[in-house]
Amino acid sequence: MNTANKSRSDLMTVEEVAEYLRISKASVYRLVRDKKIPVSKIGRQFRFRKDAIDRWLTKKESETVE
């Protein structure tokens, strides 16, 4: 896989993040609105980097344990 294709596959839409996290799209939008999830806005659309979401999840897990 070349770098351009890998970069695109690492970017996720709201729908993909909702599916990945197994939550509703409304919940994803709520997390975005409350600035609780790492996101980039490109034009009028939100995009999420998979590695940033994974790091965010790891951080949330450690917060829950403590």
PDB file of N, CA and C in Angstrom:
ATOM      1  N   MET A   1       0.853  -1.180   0.000  1.00  0.00           N
ATOM      2  CA  MET A   1       0.000   0.000   0.000  1.00  0.00           C
ATOM      3  C   MET A   1       0.890   1.231   0.000  1.00  0.00           C
ATOM      4  N   ASN A   2       0.629   2.164  -0.903  1.00  0.00           N
ATOM      5  CA  ASN A   2       1.476   3.353  -0.920  1.00  0.00           C
ATOM      6  C   ASN A   2       1.050   4.334   0.162  1.00  0.00           C
ATOM      7  N   THR A   3       1.867   5.349   0.402  1.00  0.00           N
ATOM      8  CA  THR A   3       1.648   6.284   1.495  1.00  0.00           C
ATOM      9  C   THR A   3       0.332   7.035   1.359  1.00  0.00           C
ATOM     10  N   ALA A   4      -0.031   7.473   0.158  1.00  0.00           N
ATOM     11  CA  ALA A   4      -1.278   8.224  -0.040  1.00  0.00           C
ATOM     12  C   ALA A   4      -2.484   7.369   0.312  1.00  0.00           C
ATOM     13  N   ASN A   5      -2.503   6.113  -0.128  1.00  0.00           N
ATOM     14  CA  ASN A   5      -3.628   5.235   0.190  1.00  0.00           C
ATOM     15  C   ASN A   5      -3.681   4.929   1.684  1.00  0.00           C
ATOM     16  N   LYS A   6      -2.525   4.746   2.313  1.00  0.00           N
ATOM     17  CA  LYS A   6      -2.493   4.471   3.748  1.00  0.00           C
ATOM     18  C   LYS A   6      -3.030   5.672   4.514  1.00  0.00           C
ATOM     19  N   SER A   7      -2.642   6.888   4.123  1.00  0.00           N
ATOM     20  CA  SER A   7      -3.116   8.087   4.800  1.00  0.00           C
ATOM     21  C   SER A   7      -4.627   8.196   4.703  1.00  0.00           C
ATOM     22  N   ARG A   8      -5.166   7.926   3.530  1.00  0.00           N
ATOM     23  CA  ARG A   8      -6.615   7.999   3.359  1.00  0.00           C
ATOM     24  C   ARG A   8      -7.324   6.946   4.190  1.00  0.00           C
ATOM     25  N   SER A   9      -6.761   5.744   4.261  1.00  0.00           N
ATOM     26  CA  SER A   9      -7.411   4.685   5.021  1.00  0.00           C
ATOM     27  C   SER A   9      -7.310   4.941   6.522  1.00  0.00           C
ATOM     28  N   ASP A  10      -6.352   5.757   6.952  1.00  0.00           N
ATOM     29  CA  ASP A  10      -6.211   6.094   8.363  1.00  0.00           C
ATOM     30  C   ASP A  10      -7.169   7.198   8.784  1.00  0.00           C
ATOM     31  N   LEU A  11      -7.786   7.883   7.807  1.00  0.00           N
ATOM     32  CA  LEU A  11      -8.779   8.908   8.103  1.00  0.00           C
ATOM     33  C   LEU A  11     -10.154   8.267   8.117  1.00  0.00           C
ATOM     34  N   MET A  12     -10.914   8.578   9.158  1.00  0.00           N
ATOM     35  CA  MET A  12     -12.231   7.970   9.302  1.00  0.00           C
ATOM     36  C   MET A  12     -13.307   9.055   9.339  1.00  0.00           C
ATOM     37  N   THR A  13     -14.485   8.708   8.839  1.00  0.00           N
ATOM     38  CA  THR A  13     -15.642   9.597   8.879  1.00  0.00           C
ATOM     39  C   THR A  13     -16.380   9.413  10.203  1.00  0.00           C
ATOM     40  N   VAL A  14     -17.372  10.253  10.433  1.00  0.00           N
ATOM     41  CA  VAL A  14     -18.209  10.118  11.627  1.00  0.00           C
ATOM     42  C   VAL A  14     -18.828   8.725  11.672  1.00  0.00           C
ATOM     43  N   GLU A  15     -19.334   8.275  10.531  1.00  0.00           N
ATOM     44  CA  GLU A  15     -19.970   6.956  10.464  1.00  0.00           C
ATOM     45  C   GLU A  15     -18.983   5.846  10.821  1.00  0.00           C
ATOM     46  N   GLU A  16     -17.767   5.952  10.289  1.00  0.00           N
ATOM     47  CA  GLU A  16     -16.756   4.929  10.555  1.00  0.00           C
ATOM     48  C   GLU A  16     -16.326   4.932  12.017  1.00  0.00           C
ATOM     49  N   VAL A  17     -16.198   6.120  12.611  1.00  0.00           N
ATOM     50  CA  VAL A  17     -15.823   6.206  14.026  1.00  0.00           C
ATOM     51  C   VAL A  17     -16.938   5.623  14.894  1.00  0.00           C
ATOM     52  N   ALA A  18     -18.178   5.937  14.558  1.00  0.00           N
ATOM     53  CA  ALA A  18     -19.307   5.395  15.314  1.00  0.00           C
ATOM     54  C   ALA A  18     -19.293   3.869  15.264  1.00  0.00           C
ATOM     55  N   GLU A  19     -19.061   3.323  14.092  1.00  0.00           N
ATOM     56  CA  GLU A  19     -18.999   1.869  13.958  1.00  0.00           C
ATOM     57  C   GLU A  19     -17.801   1.304  14.724  1.00  0.00           C
ATOM     58  N   TYR A  20     -16.646   1.956  14.599  1.00  0.00           N
ATOM     59  CA  TYR A  20     -15.420   1.502  15.262  1.00  0.00           C
ATOM     60  C   TYR A  20     -15.586   1.483  16.783  1.00  0.00           C
ATOM     61  N   LEU A  21     -16.229   2.533  17.317  1.00  0.00           N
ATOM     62  CA  LEU A  21     -16.412   2.637  18.764  1.00  0.00           C
ATOM     63  C   LEU A  21     -17.692   1.957  19.243  1.00  0.00           C
ATOM     64  N   ARG A  22     -18.505   1.519  18.292  1.00  0.00           N
ATOM     65  CA  ARG A  22     -19.793   0.874  18.589  1.00  0.00           C
ATOM     66  C   ARG A  22     -20.709   1.791  19.387  1.00  0.00           C
ATOM     67  N   ILE A  23     -20.794   3.049  18.905  1.00  0.00           N
ATOM     68  CA  ILE A  23     -21.703   4.028  19.482  1.00  0.00           C
ATOM     69  C   ILE A  23     -22.478   4.672  18.339  1.00  0.00           C
ATOM     70  N   SER A  24     -23.473   5.458  18.661  1.00  0.00           N
ATOM     71  CA  SER A  24     -24.277   6.107  17.624  1.00  0.00           C
ATOM     72  C   SER A  24     -23.533   7.300  17.026  1.00  0.00           C
ATOM     73  N   LYS A  25     -23.956   7.688  15.829  1.00  0.00           N
ATOM     74  CA  LYS A  25     -23.382   8.889  15.216  1.00  0.00           C
ATOM     75  C   LYS A  25     -23.667  10.107  16.085  1.00  0.00           C
ATOM     76  N   ALA A  26     -24.852  10.139  16.717  1.00  0.00           N
ATOM     77  CA  ALA A  26     -25.196  11.257  17.605  1.00  0.00           C
ATOM     78  C   ALA A  26     -24.196  11.356  18.757  1.00  0.00           C
ATOM     79  N   SER A  27     -23.765  10.215  19.275  1.00  0.00           N
ATOM     80  CA  SER A  27     -22.772  10.219  20.352  1.00  0.00           C
ATOM     81  C   SER A  27     -21.428  10.751  19.867  1.00  0.00           C
ATOM     82  N   VAL A  28     -21.049  10.401  18.641  1.00  0.00           N
ATOM     83  CA  VAL A  28     -19.804  10.927  18.073  1.00  0.00           C
ATOM     84  C   VAL A  28     -19.898  12.442  17.948  1.00  0.00           C
ATOM     85  N   TYR A  29     -21.016  12.936  17.401  1.00  0.00           N
ATOM     86  CA  TYR A  29     -21.196  14.387  17.264  1.00  0.00           C
ATOM     87  C   TYR A  29     -21.178  15.077  18.632  1.00  0.00           C
ATOM     88  N   ARG A  30     -21.723  14.429  19.652  1.00  0.00           N
ATOM     89  CA  ARG A  30     -21.713  14.993  21.007  1.00  0.00           C
ATOM     90  C   ARG A  30     -20.282  15.087  21.522  1.00  0.00           C
ATOM     91  N   LEU A  31     -19.491  14.041  21.312  1.00  0.00           N
ATOM     92  CA  LEU A  31     -18.081  14.063  21.725  1.00  0.00           C
ATOM     93  C   LEU A  31     -17.320  15.170  21.005  1.00  0.00           C
ATOM     94  N   VAL A  32     -17.618  15.353  19.723  1.00  0.00           N
ATOM     95  CA  VAL A  32     -16.974  16.428  18.946  1.00  0.00           C
ATOM     96  C   VAL A  32     -17.377  17.789  19.510  1.00  0.00           C
ATOM     97  N   ARG A  33     -18.681  17.965  19.713  1.00  0.00           N
ATOM     98  CA  ARG A  33     -19.198  19.247  20.218  1.00  0.00           C
ATOM     99  C   ARG A  33     -18.569  19.599  21.561  1.00  0.00           C
ATOM    100  N   ASP A  34     -18.421  18.594  22.415  1.00  0.00           N
ATOM    101  CA  ASP A  34     -17.863  18.810  23.754  1.00  0.00           C
ATOM    102  C   ASP A  34     -16.332  18.793  23.768  1.00  0.00           C
ATOM    103  N   LYS A  35     -15.736  18.671  22.585  1.00  0.00           N
ATOM    104  CA  LYS A  35     -14.275  18.664  22.433  1.00  0.00           C
ATOM    105  C   LYS A  35     -13.618  17.577  23.271  1.00  0.00           C
ATOM    106  N   LYS A  36     -14.228  16.390  23.257  1.00  0.00           N
ATOM    107  CA  LYS A  36     -13.720  15.272  24.040  1.00  0.00           C
ATOM    108  C   LYS A  36     -13.055  14.205  23.188  1.00  0.00           C
ATOM    109  N   ILE A  37     -13.050  14.395  21.879  1.00  0.00           N
ATOM    110  CA  ILE A  37     -12.472  13.396  20.982  1.00  0.00           C
ATOM    111  C   ILE A  37     -11.611  14.129  19.954  1.00  0.00           C
ATOM    112  N   PRO A  38     -10.457  13.570  19.592  1.00  0.00           N
ATOM    113  CA  PRO A  38      -9.592  14.252  18.617  1.00  0.00           C
ATOM    114  C   PRO A  38     -10.214  14.217  17.218  1.00  0.00           C
ATOM    115  N   VAL A  39     -10.338  15.383  16.597  1.00  0.00           N
ATOM    116  CA  VAL A  39     -11.005  15.498  15.305  1.00  0.00           C
ATOM    117  C   VAL A  39     -10.408  16.656  14.510  1.00  0.00           C
ATOM    118  N   SER A  40     -10.502  16.555  13.195  1.00  0.00           N
ATOM    119  CA  SER A  40     -10.142  17.654  12.298  1.00  0.00           C
ATOM    120  C   SER A  40     -11.359  17.971  11.459  1.00  0.00           C
ATOM    121  N   LYS A  41     -11.562  19.248  11.202  1.00  0.00           N
ATOM    122  CA  LYS A  41     -12.664  19.639  10.331  1.00  0.00           C
ATOM    123  C   LYS A  41     -12.058  20.029   8.993  1.00  0.00           C
ATOM    124  N   ILE A  42     -12.510  19.369   7.950  1.00  0.00           N
ATOM    125  CA  ILE A  42     -12.034  19.648   6.604  1.00  0.00           C
ATOM    126  C   ILE A  42     -13.253  20.116   5.809  1.00  0.00           C
ATOM    127  N   GLY A  43     -13.258  21.398   5.509  1.00  0.00           N
ATOM    128  CA  GLY A  43     -14.460  21.959   4.894  1.00  0.00           C
ATOM    129  C   GLY A  43     -15.589  21.898   5.906  1.00  0.00           C
ATOM    130  N   ARG A  44     -16.665  21.230   5.531  1.00  0.00           N
ATOM    131  CA  ARG A  44     -17.808  21.082   6.431  1.00  0.00           C
ATOM    132  C   ARG A  44     -17.879  19.691   7.053  1.00  0.00           C
ATOM    133  N   GLN A  45     -16.841  18.895   6.832  1.00  0.00           N
ATOM    134  CA  GLN A  45     -16.869  17.510   7.303  1.00  0.00           C
ATOM    135  C   GLN A  45     -15.807  17.264   8.365  1.00  0.00           C
ATOM    136  N   PHE A  46     -16.127  16.336   9.255  1.00  0.00           N
ATOM    137  CA  PHE A  46     -15.180  15.934  10.285  1.00  0.00           C
ATOM    138  C   PHE A  46     -14.415  14.704   9.818  1.00  0.00           C
ATOM    139  N   ARG A  47     -13.135  14.664  10.158  1.00  0.00           N
ATOM    140  CA  ARG A  47     -12.307  13.498   9.885  1.00  0.00           C
ATOM    141  C   ARG A  47     -11.518  13.165  11.141  1.00  0.00           C
ATOM    142  N   PHE A  48     -11.355  11.881  11.362  1.00  0.00           N
ATOM    143  CA  PHE A  48     -10.693  11.369  12.555  1.00  0.00           C
ATOM    144  C   PHE A  48      -9.536  10.487  12.119  1.00  0.00           C
ATOM    145  N   ARG A  49      -8.364  10.691  12.735  1.00  0.00           N
ATOM    146  CA  ARG A  49      -7.232   9.816  12.460  1.00  0.00           C
ATOM    147  C   ARG A  49      -7.341   8.598  13.359  1.00  0.00           C
ATOM    148  N   LYS A  50      -7.258   7.427  12.766  1.00  0.00           N
ATOM    149  CA  LYS A  50      -7.417   6.191  13.529  1.00  0.00           C
ATOM    150  C   LYS A  50      -6.404   6.098  14.657  1.00  0.00           C
ATOM    151  N   ASP A  51      -5.162   6.473  14.407  1.00  0.00           N
ATOM    152  CA  ASP A  51      -4.155   6.382  15.463  1.00  0.00           C
ATOM    153  C   ASP A  51      -4.477   7.335  16.614  1.00  0.00           C
ATOM    154  N   ALA A  52      -5.039   8.504  16.319  1.00  0.00           N
ATOM    155  CA  ALA A  52      -5.419   9.448  17.373  1.00  0.00           C
ATOM    156  C   ALA A  52      -6.594   8.898  18.189  1.00  0.00           C
ATOM    157  N   ILE A  53      -7.532   8.248  17.512  1.00  0.00           N
ATOM    158  CA  ILE A  53      -8.670   7.639  18.210  1.00  0.00           C
ATOM    159  C   ILE A  53      -8.163   6.508  19.115  1.00  0.00           C
ATOM    160  N   ASP A  54      -7.237   5.706  18.613  1.00  0.00           N
ATOM    161  CA  ASP A  54      -6.683   4.621  19.426  1.00  0.00           C
ATOM    162  C   ASP A  54      -5.964   5.157  20.665  1.00  0.00           C
ATOM    163  N   ARG A  55      -5.184   6.231  20.496  1.00  0.00           N
ATOM    164  CA  ARG A  55      -4.499   6.843  21.654  1.00  0.00           C
ATOM    165  C   ARG A  55      -5.522   7.400  22.644  1.00  0.00           C
ATOM    166  N   TRP A  56      -6.573   8.039  22.127  1.00  0.00           N
ATOM    167  CA  TRP A  56      -7.641   8.584  22.966  1.00  0.00           C
ATOM    168  C   TRP A  56      -8.306   7.468  23.773  1.00  0.00           C
ATOM    169  N   LEU A  57      -8.572   6.337  23.119  1.00  0.00           N
ATOM    170  CA  LEU A  57      -9.176   5.195  23.816  1.00  0.00           C
ATOM    171  C   LEU A  57      -8.263   4.675  24.924  1.00  0.00           C
ATOM    172  N   THR A  58      -6.982   4.568  24.631  1.00  0.00           N
ATOM    173  CA  THR A  58      -6.013   4.103  25.630  1.00  0.00           C
ATOM    174  C   THR A  58      -6.003   5.039  26.831  1.00  0.00           C
ATOM    175  N   LYS A  59      -6.018   6.336  26.564  1.00  0.00           N
ATOM    176  CA  LYS A  59      -6.041   7.324  27.642  1.00  0.00           C
ATOM    177  C   LYS A  59      -7.324   7.189  28.466  1.00  0.00           C
ATOM    178  N   LYS A  60      -8.464   7.007  27.792  1.00  0.00           N
ATOM    179  CA  LYS A  60      -9.742   6.849  28.493  1.00  0.00           C
ATOM    180  C   LYS A  60      -9.717   5.588  29.356  1.00  0.00           C
ATOM    181  N   GLU A  61      -9.121   4.526  28.861  1.00  0.00           N
ATOM    182  CA  GLU A  61      -9.025   3.281  29.632  1.00  0.00           C
ATOM    183  C   GLU A  61      -8.226   3.501  30.902  1.00  0.00           C
ATOM    184  N   SER A  62      -7.108   4.201  30.806  1.00  0.00           N
ATOM    185  CA  SER A  62      -6.268   4.416  31.998  1.00  0.00           C
ATOM    186  C   SER A  62      -6.971   5.343  32.989  1.00  0.00           C
ATOM    187  N   GLU A  63      -7.765   6.290  32.512  1.00  0.00           N
ATOM    188  CA  GLU A  63      -8.528   7.162  33.401  1.00  0.00           C
ATOM    189  C   GLU A  63      -9.590   6.370  34.148  1.00  0.00           C
ATOM    190  N   THR A  64     -10.181   5.388  33.479  1.00  0.00           N
ATOM    191  CA  THR A  64     -11.233   4.582  34.089  1.00  0.00           C
ATOM    192  C   THR A  64     -10.684   3.691  35.176  1.00  0.00           C
ATOM    193  N   VAL A  65      -9.482   3.188  34.975  1.00  0.00           N
ATOM    194  CA  VAL A  65      -8.867   2.270  35.923  1.00  0.00           C
ATOM    195  C   VAL A  65      -8.483   2.989  37.217  1.00  0.00           C
ATOM    196  N   GLU A  66      -8.045   4.224  37.098  1.00  0.00           N
ATOM    197  CA  GLU A  66      -7.551   4.960  38.269  1.00  0.00           C
ATOM    198  C   GLU A  66      -8.658   5.378  39.189  1.00  0.00           C
TER     199      GLU A  66
END
